[in-house]
C-alpha atoms as a PDB file:
ATOM      1  CA  MET A   1      33.074 -23.428   4.710  1.00  0.00           C
ATOM      2  CA  ASN A   2      32.781 -23.659   8.200  1.00  0.00           C
ATOM      3  CA  ASP A   3      29.441 -23.956  10.482  1.00  0.00           C
ATOM      4  CA  LYS A   4      29.568 -20.015  11.533  1.00  0.00           C
ATOM      5  CA  THR A   5      29.677 -18.610   7.693  1.00  0.00           C
ATOM      6  CA  GLU A   6      26.781 -21.225   6.957  1.00  0.00           C
ATOM      7  CA  THR A   7      24.443 -20.428   9.991  1.00  0.00           C
ATOM      8  CA  GLY A   8      25.491 -16.612   9.427  1.00  0.00           C
ATOM      9  CA  GLN A   9      24.045 -16.949   5.727  1.00  0.00           C
ATOM     10  CA  GLN A  10      21.045 -18.844   6.725  1.00  0.00           C
ATOM     11  CA  SER A  11      20.288 -16.170   9.082  1.00  0.00           C
ATOM     12  CA  ARG A  12      21.076 -13.445   6.666  1.00  0.00           C
ATOM     13  CA  LYS A  13      18.384 -15.507   4.021  1.00  0.00           C
ATOM     14  CA  GLN A  14      15.647 -15.554   6.517  1.00  0.00           C
ATOM     15  CA  ALA A  15      15.960 -12.034   7.599  1.00  0.00           C
ATOM     16  CA  ILE A  16      15.814 -10.962   3.875  1.00  0.00           C
ATOM     17  CA  GLU A  17      12.897 -13.179   3.419  1.00  0.00           C
ATOM     18  CA  ALA A  18      11.055 -11.980   6.065  1.00  0.00           C
ATOM     19  CA  GLN A  19      11.519  -8.229   5.371  1.00  0.00           C
ATOM     20  CA  ALA A  20      10.240  -9.419   1.721  1.00  0.00           C
ATOM     21  CA  LYS A  21       7.011 -10.784   3.371  1.00  0.00           C
ATOM     22  CA  LEU A  22       6.514  -7.750   5.618  1.00  0.00           C
ATOM     23  CA  ARG A  23       6.874  -5.353   2.530  1.00  0.00           C
ATOM     24  CA  ARG A  24       4.479  -7.791   0.449  1.00  0.00           C
ATOM     25  CA  GLU A  25       1.782  -7.630   3.080  1.00  0.00           C
ATOM     26  CA  ARG A  26       2.019  -3.852   3.826  1.00  0.00           C
ATOM     27  CA  ALA A  27       1.805  -3.473   0.009  1.00  0.00           C
ATOM     28  CA  ALA A  28      -1.473  -5.655   0.082  1.00  0.00           C
ATOM     29  CA  GLU A  29      -3.104  -3.818   2.922  1.00  0.00           C
ATOM     30  CA  LYS A  30      -2.597  -0.558   1.137  1.00  0.00           C
ATOM     31  CA  LEU A  31      -4.155  -2.105  -2.390  1.00  0.00           C
ATOM     32  CA  ARG A  32      -7.041  -3.220  -0.136  1.00  0.00           C
ATOM     33  CA  GLU A  33      -7.458   0.434   1.472  1.00  0.00           C
ATOM     34  CA  ASN A  34      -6.988   2.258  -1.843  1.00  0.00           C
ATOM     35  CA  LEU A  35      -9.543  -0.250  -3.641  1.00  0.00           C
ATOM     36  CA  SER A  36     -12.349   0.343  -0.424  1.00  0.00           C
ATOM     37  CA  ARG A  37     -11.762   3.988  -0.977  1.00  0.00           C
ATOM     38  CA  ARG A  38     -12.477   4.026  -4.512  1.00  0.00           C
ATOM     39  CA  LYS A  39     -15.669   2.127  -3.863  1.00  0.00           C
ATOM     40  CA  GLN A  40     -16.808   4.463  -1.515  1.00  0.00           C
ATOM     41  CA  GLN A  41     -16.128   7.319  -3.917  1.00  0.00           C
ATOM     42  CA  VAL A  42     -18.227   5.634  -6.806  1.00  0.00           C
ATOM     43  CA  ARG A  43     -21.204   4.779  -4.177  1.00  0.00           C
ATOM     44  CA  ALA A  44     -20.968   8.415  -3.210  1.00  0.00           C
ATOM     45  CA  ARG A  45     -21.287   9.463  -6.889  1.00  0.00           C
ATOM     46  CA  ARG A  46     -24.031   7.379  -7.825  1.00  0.00           C
ATOM     47  CA  SER A  47     -26.017   8.557  -4.977  1.00  0.00           C
ATOM     48  CA  GLY A  48     -25.238  12.440  -5.508  1.00  0.00           C
ATOM     49  CA  GLN A  49     -23.079  12.828  -2.673  1.00  0.00           C
ATOM     50  CA  ALA A  50     -19.595  14.641  -2.572  1.00  0.00           C
ATOM     51  CA  ASP A  51     -16.565  13.289  -2.347  1.00  0.00           C
ATOM     52  CA  GLU A  52     -14.964  13.188   0.834  1.00  0.00           C
ATOM     53  CA  THR A  53     -11.039  13.691  -0.168  1.00  0.00           C
ATOM     54  CA  ASN A  54      -8.192  13.740   2.105  1.00  0.00           C
ATOM     55  CA  GLY A  55      -5.454  14.877  -0.745  1.00  0.00           C
ATOM     56  CA  LEU A  56      -5.121  18.031  -2.361  1.00  0.00           C
ATOM     57  CA  PRO A  57      -7.773  19.978  -4.340  1.00  0.00           C
ATOM     58  CA  ALA A  58      -7.041  20.097  -8.082  1.00  0.00           C
ATOM     59  CA  ALA A  59      -4.471  22.787  -8.999  1.00  0.00           C
ATOM     60  CA  LYS A  60      -7.035  24.296 -11.412  1.00  0.00           C
ATOM     61  CA  MET A  61     -10.620  25.277 -10.003  1.00  0.00           C
ATOM     62  CA  ASP A  62     -11.671  27.272 -12.883  1.00  0.00           C
ATOM     63  CA  GLU A  63     -12.184  26.952 -16.610  1.00  0.00           C
ATOM     64  CA  SER A  64     -10.380  29.878 -17.415  1.00  0.00           C
END
């Protein structure tokens, strides 16, 4: 192999590793946000306050 091919492979490998690291960091941040949100919901339930949800309400509202 020549130097250009080896350099190209190394730079590609470094780019893939950098993308994987960014992906892991984003996933970790999302997990922290989710944990924080769930803890807040548990605290709200304990204190009797209503949950402040950002998502869609349940599809079935009544018990019919």
